[in-house]
């Protein structure tokens, strides 16, 4: 099948496909990691109002995303009350101790 026939068939099916020019980088972020694809080829297919992106080629790098620890406000207040320190100091101590209340209190008391 020639490329011309393929385009005609795609058009009859309601599918259009175009290349996206001058793409330098594609970044895909998830909760736990980030994928970066340098110098990819990107094609956009449109079918029934939906766009589908096809990414091929390029150099792929992967890095693990840093997850910031969510510290409850009640823990911050508890550490602050127990040590007599400010809320900001209590939050920093909890972040350093990865949310461990006892360690944070001991750290601020020493």
PDB file of N, CA and C in Angstrom:
ATOM      1  N   UNK A   1       0.852  -1.176   0.000  1.00  0.00           N
ATOM      2  CA  UNK A   1       0.000   0.000   0.000  1.00  0.00           C
ATOM      3  C   UNK A   1       0.898   1.239   0.000  1.00  0.00           C
ATOM      4  N   UNK A   2       0.614   2.154  -0.878  1.00  0.00           N
ATOM      5  CA  UNK A   2       1.409   3.377  -0.960  1.00  0.00           C
ATOM      6  C   UNK A   2       1.006   4.326   0.158  1.00  0.00           C
ATOM      7  N   UNK A   3       1.859   5.314   0.418  1.00  0.00           N
ATOM      8  CA  UNK A   3       1.549   6.277   1.476  1.00  0.00           C
ATOM      9  C   UNK A   3       0.314   7.101   1.117  1.00  0.00           C
ATOM     10  N   UNK A   4       0.105   7.311  -0.161  1.00  0.00           N
ATOM     11  CA  UNK A   4      -1.075   8.068  -0.607  1.00  0.00           C
ATOM     12  C   UNK A   4      -2.355   7.284  -0.293  1.00  0.00           C
ATOM     13  N   UNK A   5      -2.336   5.973  -0.575  1.00  0.00           N
ATOM     14  CA  UNK A   5      -3.492   5.133  -0.278  1.00  0.00           C
ATOM     15  C   UNK A   5      -3.733   5.052   1.224  1.00  0.00           C
ATOM     16  N   UNK A   6      -2.660   4.991   1.994  1.00  0.00           N
ATOM     17  CA  UNK A   6      -2.779   4.934   3.455  1.00  0.00           C
ATOM     18  C   UNK A   6      -3.428   6.205   3.982  1.00  0.00           C
ATOM     19  N   UNK A   7      -3.017   7.373   3.446  1.00  0.00           N
ATOM     20  CA  UNK A   7      -3.617   8.637   3.879  1.00  0.00           C
ATOM     21  C   UNK A   7      -5.108   8.685   3.536  1.00  0.00           C
ATOM     22  N   UNK A   8      -5.469   8.201   2.349  1.00  0.00           N
ATOM     23  CA  UNK A   8      -6.879   8.179   1.951  1.00  0.00           C
ATOM     24  C   UNK A   8      -7.692   7.288   2.890  1.00  0.00           C
ATOM     25  N   UNK A   9      -7.152   6.113   3.216  1.00  0.00           N
ATOM     26  CA  UNK A   9      -7.855   5.187   4.097  1.00  0.00           C
ATOM     27  C   UNK A   9      -8.033   5.799   5.487  1.00  0.00           C
ATOM     28  N   UNK A  10      -6.980   6.461   5.987  1.00  0.00           N
ATOM     29  CA  UNK A  10      -7.059   7.108   7.293  1.00  0.00           C
ATOM     30  C   UNK A  10      -8.115   8.205   7.273  1.00  0.00           C
ATOM     31  N   UNK A  11      -8.181   8.957   6.195  1.00  0.00           N
ATOM     32  CA  UNK A  11      -9.159  10.041   6.083  1.00  0.00           C
ATOM     33  C   UNK A  11     -10.575   9.481   6.091  1.00  0.00           C
ATOM     34  N   UNK A  12     -10.804   8.361   5.394  1.00  0.00           N
ATOM     35  CA  UNK A  12     -12.124   7.735   5.382  1.00  0.00           C
ATOM     36  C   UNK A  12     -12.524   7.252   6.777  1.00  0.00           C
ATOM     37  N   UNK A  13     -11.540   6.843   7.574  1.00  0.00           N
ATOM     38  CA  UNK A  13     -11.804   6.360   8.928  1.00  0.00           C
ATOM     39  C   UNK A  13     -11.940   7.511   9.927  1.00  0.00           C
ATOM     40  N   UNK A  14     -11.732   8.742   9.462  1.00  0.00           N
ATOM     41  CA  UNK A  14     -11.832   9.895  10.357  1.00  0.00           C
ATOM     42  C   UNK A  14     -10.578  10.103  11.180  1.00  0.00           C
ATOM     43  N   UNK A  15      -9.466   9.617  10.678  1.00  0.00           N
ATOM     44  CA  UNK A  15      -8.199   9.707  11.396  1.00  0.00           C
ATOM     45  C   UNK A  15      -7.255  10.612  10.619  1.00  0.00           C
ATOM     46  N   UNK A  16      -6.709  11.624  11.299  1.00  0.00           N
ATOM     47  CA  UNK A  16      -5.713  12.478  10.659  1.00  0.00           C
ATOM     48  C   UNK A  16      -4.425  12.397  11.452  1.00  0.00           C
ATOM     49  N   UNK A  17      -3.305  12.496  10.754  1.00  0.00           N
ATOM     50  CA  UNK A  17      -2.009  12.371  11.414  1.00  0.00           C
ATOM     51  C   UNK A  17      -1.051  13.405  10.836  1.00  0.00           C
ATOM     52  N   UNK A  18      -0.432  14.181  11.735  1.00  0.00           N
ATOM     53  CA  UNK A  18       0.533  15.196  11.323  1.00  0.00           C
ATOM     54  C   UNK A  18       1.755  15.106  12.214  1.00  0.00           C
ATOM     55  N   UNK A  19       2.899  15.488  11.669  1.00  0.00           N
ATOM     56  CA  UNK A  19       4.119  15.553  12.466  1.00  0.00           C
ATOM     57  C   UNK A  19       4.160  16.889  13.187  1.00  0.00           C
ATOM     58  N   UNK A  20       4.709  16.894  14.380  1.00  0.00           N
ATOM     59  CA  UNK A  20       4.870  18.125  15.160  1.00  0.00           C
ATOM     60  C   UNK A  20       6.322  18.566  14.976  1.00  0.00           C
ATOM     61  N   UNK A  21       6.555  19.665  14.272  1.00  0.00           N
ATOM     62  CA  UNK A  21       7.935  20.058  13.966  1.00  0.00           C
ATOM     63  C   UNK A  21       8.651  20.720  15.150  1.00  0.00           C
ATOM     64  N   UNK A  22       9.970  20.684  15.109  1.00  0.00           N
ATOM     65  CA  UNK A  22      10.847  21.417  16.034  1.00  0.00           C
ATOM     66  C   UNK A  22      10.645  21.074  17.508  1.00  0.00           C
ATOM     67  N   UNK A  23      10.358  19.817  17.825  1.00  0.00           N
ATOM     68  CA  UNK A  23      10.216  19.412  19.222  1.00  0.00           C
ATOM     69  C   UNK A  23      11.612  19.180  19.785  1.00  0.00           C
ATOM     70  N   UNK A  24      11.938  19.854  20.880  1.00  0.00           N
ATOM     71  CA  UNK A  24      13.246  19.719  21.505  1.00  0.00           C
ATOM     72  C   UNK A  24      13.248  18.678  22.619  1.00  0.00           C
ATOM     73  N   UNK A  25      12.137  18.625  23.377  1.00  0.00           N
ATOM     74  CA  UNK A  25      12.117  17.781  24.556  1.00  0.00           C
ATOM     75  C   UNK A  25      10.682  17.437  24.924  1.00  0.00           C
ATOM     76  N   UNK A  26      10.478  16.205  25.407  1.00  0.00           N
ATOM     77  CA  UNK A  26       9.192  15.781  25.953  1.00  0.00           C
ATOM     78  C   UNK A  26       9.463  15.326  27.379  1.00  0.00           C
ATOM     79  N   UNK A  27       8.674  15.836  28.337  1.00  0.00           N
ATOM     80  CA  UNK A  27       8.842  15.481  29.742  1.00  0.00           C
ATOM     81  C   UNK A  27       7.565  14.805  30.220  1.00  0.00           C
ATOM     82  N   UNK A  28       7.732  13.624  30.821  1.00  0.00           N
ATOM     83  CA  UNK A  28       6.609  12.891  31.392  1.00  0.00           C
ATOM     84  C   UNK A  28       6.859  12.786  32.889  1.00  0.00           C
ATOM     85  N   UNK A  29       5.952  13.369  33.687  1.00  0.00           N
ATOM     86  CA  UNK A  29       6.104  13.363  35.142  1.00  0.00           C
ATOM     87  C   UNK A  29       5.076  12.442  35.760  1.00  0.00           C
ATOM     88  N   UNK A  30       5.557  11.578  36.657  1.00  0.00           N
ATOM     89  CA  UNK A  30       4.667  10.758  37.460  1.00  0.00           C
ATOM     90  C   UNK A  30       4.934  11.120  38.914  1.00  0.00           C
ATOM     91  N   UNK A  31       4.237  10.489  39.817  1.00  0.00           N
ATOM     92  CA  UNK A  31       4.444  10.776  41.233  1.00  0.00           C
ATOM     93  C   UNK A  31       5.849  10.400  41.667  1.00  0.00           C
ATOM     94  N   UNK A  32       6.364   9.288  41.118  1.00  0.00           N
ATOM     95  CA  UNK A  32       7.642   8.783  41.599  1.00  0.00           C
ATOM     96  C   UNK A  32       8.842   9.072  40.708  1.00  0.00           C
ATOM     97  N   UNK A  33       8.630   9.472  39.449  1.00  0.00           N
ATOM     98  CA  UNK A  33       9.777   9.725  38.575  1.00  0.00           C
ATOM     99  C   UNK A  33       9.437  10.697  37.459  1.00  0.00           C
ATOM    100  N   UNK A  34      10.481  11.122  36.769  1.00  0.00           N
ATOM    101  CA  UNK A  34      10.337  12.059  35.653  1.00  0.00           C
ATOM    102  C   UNK A  34      11.161  11.527  34.482  1.00  0.00           C
ATOM    103  N   UNK A  35      10.520  11.322  33.334  1.00  0.00           N
ATOM    104  CA  UNK A  35      11.194  10.875  32.123  1.00  0.00           C
ATOM    105  C   UNK A  35      11.369  12.071  31.194  1.00  0.00           C
ATOM    106  N   UNK A  36      12.567  12.235  30.663  1.00  0.00           N
ATOM    107  CA  UNK A  36      12.837  13.308  29.707  1.00  0.00           C
ATOM    108  C   UNK A  36      13.327  12.670  28.421  1.00  0.00           C
ATOM    109  N   UNK A  37      12.697  13.029  27.305  1.00  0.00           N
ATOM    110  CA  UNK A  37      13.081  12.503  25.999  1.00  0.00           C
ATOM    111  C   UNK A  37      13.594  13.680  25.183  1.00  0.00           C
ATOM    112  N   UNK A  38      14.906  13.650  24.891  1.00  0.00           N
ATOM    113  CA  UNK A  38      15.556  14.741  24.146  1.00  0.00           C
ATOM    114  C   UNK A  38      15.482  14.444  22.642  1.00  0.00           C
ATOM    115  N   UNK A  39      15.230  15.454  21.836  1.00  0.00           N
ATOM    116  CA  UNK A  39      15.169  15.373  20.369  1.00  0.00           C
ATOM    117  C   UNK A  39      14.277  14.248  19.848  1.00  0.00           C
ATOM    118  N   UNK A  40      13.027  14.170  20.303  1.00  0.00           N
ATOM    119  CA  UNK A  40      12.142  13.106  19.823  1.00  0.00           C
ATOM    120  C   UNK A  40      11.434  13.499  18.532  1.00  0.00           C
ATOM    121  N   UNK A  41      10.833  12.533  17.904  1.00  0.00           N
ATOM    122  CA  UNK A  41       9.920  12.788  16.796  1.00  0.00           C
ATOM    123  C   UNK A  41       8.522  12.612  17.374  1.00  0.00           C
ATOM    124  N   UNK A  42       7.668  13.604  17.170  1.00  0.00           N
ATOM    125  CA  UNK A  42       6.327  13.557  17.738  1.00  0.00           C
ATOM    126  C   UNK A  42       5.301  13.650  16.612  1.00  0.00           C
ATOM    127  N   UNK A  43       4.371  12.692  16.614  1.00  0.00           N
ATOM    128  CA  UNK A  43       3.278  12.703  15.650  1.00  0.00           C
ATOM    129  C   UNK A  43       1.980  12.889  16.421  1.00  0.00           C
ATOM    130  N   UNK A  44       1.071  13.659  15.842  1.00  0.00           N
ATOM    131  CA  UNK A  44      -0.235  13.887  16.468  1.00  0.00           C
ATOM    132  C   UNK A  44      -1.294  13.233  15.589  1.00  0.00           C
ATOM    133  N   UNK A  45      -2.034  12.316  16.185  1.00  0.00           N
ATOM    134  CA  UNK A  45      -3.144  11.687  15.479  1.00  0.00           C
ATOM    135  C   UNK A  45      -4.430  12.213  16.106  1.00  0.00           C
ATOM    136  N   UNK A  46      -5.392  12.520  15.265  1.00  0.00           N
ATOM    137  CA  UNK A  46      -6.668  12.998  15.775  1.00  0.00           C
ATOM    138  C   UNK A  46      -7.756  12.084  15.245  1.00  0.00           C
ATOM    139  N   UNK A  47      -8.541  11.547  16.189  1.00  0.00           N
ATOM    140  CA  UNK A  47      -9.606  10.636  15.814  1.00  0.00           C
ATOM    141  C   UNK A  47     -10.806  10.909  16.710  1.00  0.00           C
ATOM    142  N   UNK A  48     -11.927  11.196  16.110  1.00  0.00           N
ATOM    143  CA  UNK A  48     -13.171  11.462  16.818  1.00  0.00           C
ATOM    144  C   UNK A  48     -12.998  12.532  17.893  1.00  0.00           C
ATOM    145  N   UNK A  49     -12.256  13.581  17.589  1.00  0.00           N
ATOM    146  CA  UNK A  49     -12.072  14.705  18.505  1.00  0.00           C
ATOM    147  C   UNK A  49     -11.008  14.486  19.567  1.00  0.00           C
ATOM    148  N   UNK A  50     -10.424  13.305  19.628  1.00  0.00           N
ATOM    149  CA  UNK A  50      -9.379  13.006  20.600  1.00  0.00           C
ATOM    150  C   UNK A  50      -8.009  13.117  19.935  1.00  0.00           C
ATOM    151  N   UNK A  51      -7.039  13.678  20.646  1.00  0.00           N
ATOM    152  CA  UNK A  51      -5.680  13.773  20.129  1.00  0.00           C
ATOM    153  C   UNK A  51      -4.814  12.698  20.777  1.00  0.00           C
ATOM    154  N   UNK A  52      -4.041  12.027  19.959  1.00  0.00           N
ATOM    155  CA  UNK A  52      -3.121  10.995  20.420  1.00  0.00           C
ATOM    156  C   UNK A  52      -1.720  11.430  20.010  1.00  0.00           C
ATOM    157  N   UNK A  53      -0.822  11.488  20.982  1.00  0.00           N
ATOM    158  CA  UNK A  53       0.551  11.890  20.710  1.00  0.00           C
ATOM    159  C   UNK A  53       1.432  10.646  20.695  1.00  0.00           C
ATOM    160  N   UNK A  54       2.195  10.493  19.623  1.00  0.00           N
ATOM    161  CA  UNK A  54       3.119   9.371  19.511  1.00  0.00           C
ATOM    162  C   UNK A  54       4.532   9.938  19.553  1.00  0.00           C
ATOM    163  N   UNK A  55       5.310   9.499  20.536  1.00  0.00           N
ATOM    164  CA  UNK A  55       6.667   9.992  20.729  1.00  0.00           C
ATOM    165  C   UNK A  55       7.621   8.858  20.416  1.00  0.00           C
ATOM    166  N   UNK A  56       8.572   9.102  19.498  1.00  0.00           N
ATOM    167  CA  UNK A  56       9.545   8.075  19.150  1.00  0.00           C
ATOM    168  C   UNK A  56      10.947   8.662  19.130  1.00  0.00           C
ATOM    169  N   UNK A  57      11.923   7.796  19.325  1.00  0.00           N
ATOM    170  CA  UNK A  57      13.322   8.187  19.231  1.00  0.00           C
ATOM    171  C   UNK A  57      13.782   9.075  20.353  1.00  0.00           C
ATOM    172  N   UNK A  58      14.968   9.605  20.187  1.00  0.00           N
ATOM    173  CA  UNK A  58      15.521  10.517  21.164  1.00  0.00           C
ATOM    174  C   UNK A  58      16.245   9.822  22.303  1.00  0.00           C
ATOM    175  N   UNK A  59      16.956  10.620  23.077  1.00  0.00           N
ATOM    176  CA  UNK A  59      17.691  10.132  24.240  1.00  0.00           C
ATOM    177  C   UNK A  59      16.784  10.243  25.466  1.00  0.00           C
ATOM    178  N   UNK A  60      16.663   9.141  26.195  1.00  0.00           N
ATOM    179  CA  UNK A  60      15.767   9.108  27.353  1.00  0.00           C
ATOM    180  C   UNK A  60      16.581   9.142  28.637  1.00  0.00           C
ATOM    181  N   UNK A  61      16.219  10.069  29.517  1.00  0.00           N
ATOM    182  CA  UNK A  61      16.819  10.107  30.855  1.00  0.00           C
ATOM    183  C   UNK A  61      15.699  10.005  31.872  1.00  0.00           C
ATOM    184  N   UNK A  62      16.001   9.343  32.981  1.00  0.00           N
ATOM    185  CA  UNK A  62      15.005   9.119  34.018  1.00  0.00           C
ATOM    186  C   UNK A  62      15.579   9.556  35.350  1.00  0.00           C
ATOM    187  N   UNK A  63      14.781  10.304  36.112  1.00  0.00           N
ATOM    188  CA  UNK A  63      15.227  10.653  37.451  1.00  0.00           C
ATOM    189  C   UNK A  63      14.079  10.464  38.425  1.00  0.00           C
ATOM    190  N   UNK A  64      14.445  10.053  39.615  1.00  0.00           N
ATOM    191  CA  UNK A  64      13.451   9.813  40.656  1.00  0.00           C
ATOM    192  C   UNK A  64      13.021  11.151  41.224  1.00  0.00           C
ATOM    193  N   UNK A  65      11.716  11.345  41.327  1.00  0.00           N
ATOM    194  CA  UNK A  65      11.174  12.597  41.856  1.00  0.00           C
ATOM    195  C   UNK A  65      11.310  12.616  43.371  1.00  0.00           C
ATOM    196  N   UNK A  66      11.628  13.781  43.885  1.00  0.00           N
ATOM    197  CA  UNK A  66      11.707  13.941  45.335  1.00  0.00           C
ATOM    198  C   UNK A  66      10.294  14.058  45.881  1.00  0.00           C
ATOM    199  N   UNK A  67      10.027  13.266  46.888  1.00  0.00           N
ATOM    200  CA  UNK A  67       8.712  13.348  47.517  1.00  0.00           C
ATOM    201  C   UNK A  67       8.847  14.132  48.812  1.00  0.00           C
ATOM    202  N   UNK A  68       8.081  15.191  48.901  1.00  0.00           N
ATOM    203  CA  UNK A  68       8.129  16.020  50.093  1.00  0.00           C
ATOM    204  C   UNK A  68       7.182  15.435  51.128  1.00  0.00           C
ATOM    205  N   UNK A  69       7.690  15.290  52.329  1.00  0.00           N
ATOM    206  CA  UNK A  69       6.923  14.711  53.420  1.00  0.00           C
ATOM    207  C   UNK A  69       5.843  15.691  53.868  1.00  0.00           C
ATOM    208  N   UNK A  70       4.616  15.210  53.919  1.00  0.00           N
ATOM    209  CA  UNK A  70       3.508  16.041  54.392  1.00  0.00           C
ATOM    210  C   UNK A  70       3.433  15.917  55.909  1.00  0.00           C
ATOM    211  N   UNK A  71       3.637  17.022  56.586  1.00  0.00           N
ATOM    212  CA  UNK A  71       3.620  17.019  58.054  1.00  0.00           C
ATOM    213  C   UNK A  71       2.332  17.670  58.521  1.00  0.00           C
ATOM    214  N   UNK A  72       1.529  16.910  59.271  1.00  0.00           N
ATOM    215  CA  UNK A  72       0.253  17.459  59.752  1.00  0.00           C
ATOM    216  C   UNK A  72       0.472  18.647  60.693  1.00  0.00           C
ATOM    217  N   UNK A  73      -0.414  19.598  60.603  1.00  0.00           N
ATOM    218  CA  UNK A  73      -0.333  20.820  61.423  1.00  0.00           C
ATOM    219  C   UNK A  73      -0.422  20.485  62.919  1.00  0.00           C
ATOM    220  N   UNK A  74      -1.191  19.460  63.252  1.00  0.00           N
ATOM    221  CA  UNK A  74      -1.321  19.073  64.663  1.00  0.00           C
ATOM    222  C   UNK A  74       0.012  18.558  65.229  1.00  0.00           C
ATOM    223  N   UNK A  75       0.816  17.888  64.386  1.00  0.00           N
ATOM    224  CA  UNK A  75       2.143  17.433  64.827  1.00  0.00           C
ATOM    225  C   UNK A  75       3.061  18.626  65.080  1.00  0.00           C
ATOM    226  N   UNK A  76       2.972  19.620  64.209  1.00  0.00           N
ATOM    227  CA  UNK A  76       3.792  20.822  64.370  1.00  0.00           C
ATOM    228  C   UNK A  76       3.437  21.519  65.684  1.00  0.00           C
ATOM    229  N   UNK A  77       2.129  21.660  65.944  1.00  0.00           N
ATOM    230  CA  UNK A  77       1.693  22.308  67.189  1.00  0.00           C
ATOM    231  C   UNK A  77       2.128  21.511  68.420  1.00  0.00           C
ATOM    232  N   UNK A  78       2.044  20.183  68.344  1.00  0.00           N
ATOM    233  CA  UNK A  78       2.437  19.342  69.471  1.00  0.00           C
ATOM    234  C   UNK A  78       3.923  19.523  69.792  1.00  0.00           C
ATOM    235  N   UNK A  79       4.769  19.483  68.773  1.00  0.00           N
ATOM    236  CA  UNK A  79       6.210  19.657  68.986  1.00  0.00           C
ATOM    237  C   UNK A  79       6.492  21.055  69.518  1.00  0.00           C
ATOM    238  N   UNK A  80       5.810  22.050  68.978  1.00  0.00           N
ATOM    239  CA  UNK A  80       5.989  23.427  69.434  1.00  0.00           C
ATOM    240  C   UNK A  80       5.588  23.564  70.905  1.00  0.00           C
ATOM    241  N   UNK A  81       4.451  23.001  71.285  1.00  0.00           N
ATOM    242  CA  UNK A  81       3.975  23.073  72.674  1.00  0.00           C
ATOM    243  C   UNK A  81       4.923  22.341  73.627  1.00  0.00           C
ATOM    244  N   UNK A  82       5.419  21.196  73.216  1.00  0.00           N
ATOM    245  CA  UNK A  82       6.280  20.388  74.086  1.00  0.00           C
ATOM    246  C   UNK A  82       7.659  21.010  74.298  1.00  0.00           C
ATOM    247  N   UNK A  83       8.128  21.761  73.311  1.00  0.00           N
ATOM    248  CA  UNK A  83       9.490  22.304  73.387  1.00  0.00           C
ATOM    249  C   UNK A  83       9.530  23.800  73.681  1.00  0.00           C
ATOM    250  N   UNK A  84       8.398  24.491  73.513  1.00  0.00           N
ATOM    251  CA  UNK A  84       8.389  25.929  73.705  1.00  0.00           C
ATOM    252  C   UNK A  84       8.996  26.691  72.540  1.00  0.00           C
ATOM    253  N   UNK A  85       9.200  26.021  71.423  1.00  0.00           N
ATOM    254  CA  UNK A  85       9.775  26.654  70.230  1.00  0.00           C
ATOM    255  C   UNK A  85       8.650  27.154  69.319  1.00  0.00           C
ATOM    256  N   UNK A  86       9.030  27.956  68.320  1.00  0.00           N
ATOM    257  CA  UNK A  86       8.039  28.491  67.382  1.00  0.00           C
ATOM    258  C   UNK A  86       7.541  27.384  66.453  1.00  0.00           C
ATOM    259  N   UNK A  87       6.408  27.647  65.807  1.00  0.00           N
ATOM    260  CA  UNK A  87       5.851  26.685  64.860  1.00  0.00           C
ATOM    261  C   UNK A  87       6.815  26.421  63.711  1.00  0.00           C
ATOM    262  N   UNK A  88       7.493  27.463  63.261  1.00  0.00           N
ATOM    263  CA  UNK A  88       8.450  27.324  62.159  1.00  0.00           C
ATOM    264  C   UNK A  88       9.613  26.410  62.563  1.00  0.00           C
ATOM    265  N   UNK A  89      10.143  26.608  63.778  1.00  0.00           N
ATOM    266  CA  UNK A  89      11.235  25.761  64.258  1.00  0.00           C
ATOM    267  C   UNK A  89      10.763  24.311  64.412  1.00  0.00           C
ATOM    268  N   UNK A  90       9.547  24.130  64.903  1.00  0.00           N
ATOM    269  CA  UNK A  90       8.999  22.787  65.072  1.00  0.00           C
ATOM    270  C   UNK A  90       8.830  22.095  63.720  1.00  0.00           C
ATOM    271  N   UNK A  91       8.343  22.823  62.704  1.00  0.00           N
ATOM    272  CA  UNK A  91       8.176  22.249  61.359  1.00  0.00           C
ATOM    273  C   UNK A  91       9.521  21.828  60.782  1.00  0.00           C
ATOM    274  N   UNK A  92      10.536  22.685  60.915  1.00  0.00           N
ATOM    275  CA  UNK A  92      11.869  22.351  60.394  1.00  0.00           C
ATOM    276  C   UNK A  92      12.423  21.105  61.073  1.00  0.00           C
ATOM    277  N   UNK A  93      12.229  21.009  62.386  1.00  0.00           N
ATOM    278  CA  UNK A  93      12.715  19.844  63.123  1.00  0.00           C
ATOM    279  C   UNK A  93      12.007  18.573  62.656  1.00  0.00           C
ATOM    280  N   UNK A  94      10.706  18.667  62.444  1.00  0.00           N
ATOM    281  CA  UNK A  94       9.959  17.506  61.961  1.00  0.00           C
ATOM    282  C   UNK A  94      10.393  17.095  60.559  1.00  0.00           C
ATOM    283  N   UNK A  95      10.676  18.069  59.703  1.00  0.00           N
ATOM    284  CA  UNK A  95      11.158  17.757  58.357  1.00  0.00           C
ATOM    285  C   UNK A  95      12.516  17.068  58.421  1.00  0.00           C
ATOM    286  N   UNK A  96      13.407  17.559  59.277  1.00  0.00           N
ATOM    287  CA  UNK A  96      14.729  16.949  59.432  1.00  0.00           C
ATOM    288  C   UNK A  96      14.633  15.534  59.983  1.00  0.00           C
ATOM    289  N   UNK A  97      13.658  15.297  60.848  1.00  0.00           N
ATOM    290  CA  UNK A  97      13.478  13.985  61.488  1.00  0.00           C
ATOM    291  C   UNK A  97      12.483  13.112  60.725  1.00  0.00           C
ATOM    292  N   UNK A  98      12.131  13.522  59.516  1.00  0.00           N
ATOM    293  CA  UNK A  98      11.220  12.777  58.647  1.00  0.00           C
ATOM    294  C   UNK A  98       9.892  12.457  59.328  1.00  0.00           C
ATOM    295  N   UNK A  99       9.382  13.433  60.099  1.00  0.00           N
ATOM    296  CA  UNK A  99       8.076  13.307  60.723  1.00  0.00           C
ATOM    297  C   UNK A  99       8.050  12.588  62.057  1.00  0.00           C
ATOM    298  N   UNK A 100       9.205  12.158  62.557  1.00  0.00           N
ATOM    299  CA  UNK A 100       9.272  11.443  63.842  1.00  0.00           C
ATOM    300  C   UNK A 100       9.135  12.455  64.979  1.00  0.00           C
ATOM    301  N   UNK A 101       7.993  12.383  65.687  1.00  0.00           N
ATOM    302  CA  UNK A 101       7.702  13.354  66.748  1.00  0.00           C
ATOM    303  C   UNK A 101       8.735  13.310  67.870  1.00  0.00           C
ATOM    304  N   UNK A 102       9.053  12.119  68.358  1.00  0.00           N
ATOM    305  CA  UNK A 102       9.975  11.988  69.492  1.00  0.00           C
ATOM    306  C   UNK A 102      11.350  12.535  69.142  1.00  0.00           C
ATOM    307  N   UNK A 103      11.851  12.200  67.971  1.00  0.00           N
ATOM    308  CA  UNK A 103      13.173  12.692  67.546  1.00  0.00           C
ATOM    309  C   UNK A 103      13.178  14.214  67.434  1.00  0.00           C
ATOM    310  N   UNK A 104      12.093  14.761  66.871  1.00  0.00           N
ATOM    311  CA  UNK A 104      12.015  16.217  66.696  1.00  0.00           C
ATOM    312  C   UNK A 104      12.005  16.921  68.050  1.00  0.00           C
ATOM    313  N   UNK A 105      11.250  16.378  69.010  1.00  0.00           N
ATOM    314  CA  UNK A 105      11.198  16.984  70.344  1.00  0.00           C
ATOM    315  C   UNK A 105      12.570  16.902  71.025  1.00  0.00           C
ATOM    316  N   UNK A 106      13.199  15.745  70.949  1.00  0.00           N
ATOM    317  CA  UNK A 106      14.530  15.588  71.558  1.00  0.00           C
ATOM    318  C   UNK A 106      15.547  16.506  70.906  1.00  0.00           C
ATOM    319  N   UNK A 107      15.465  16.637  69.583  1.00  0.00           N
ATOM    320  CA  UNK A 107      16.406  17.497  68.870  1.00  0.00           C
ATOM    321  C   UNK A 107      16.265  18.962  69.312  1.00  0.00           C
ATOM    322  N   UNK A 108      15.033  19.416  69.473  1.00  0.00           N
ATOM    323  CA  UNK A 108      14.819  20.815  69.869  1.00  0.00           C
ATOM    324  C   UNK A 108      15.130  21.062  71.338  1.00  0.00           C
ATOM    325  N   UNK A 109      15.033  20.049  72.155  1.00  0.00           N
ATOM    326  CA  UNK A 109      15.322  20.212  73.578  1.00  0.00           C
ATOM    327  C   UNK A 109      16.815  20.203  73.861  1.00  0.00           C
ATOM    328  N   UNK A 110      17.587  19.582  72.984  1.00  0.00           N
ATOM    329  CA  UNK A 110      19.041  19.511  73.246  1.00  0.00           C
ATOM    330  C   UNK A 110      19.767  20.705  72.685  1.00  0.00           C
TER     331      UNK A 110
END
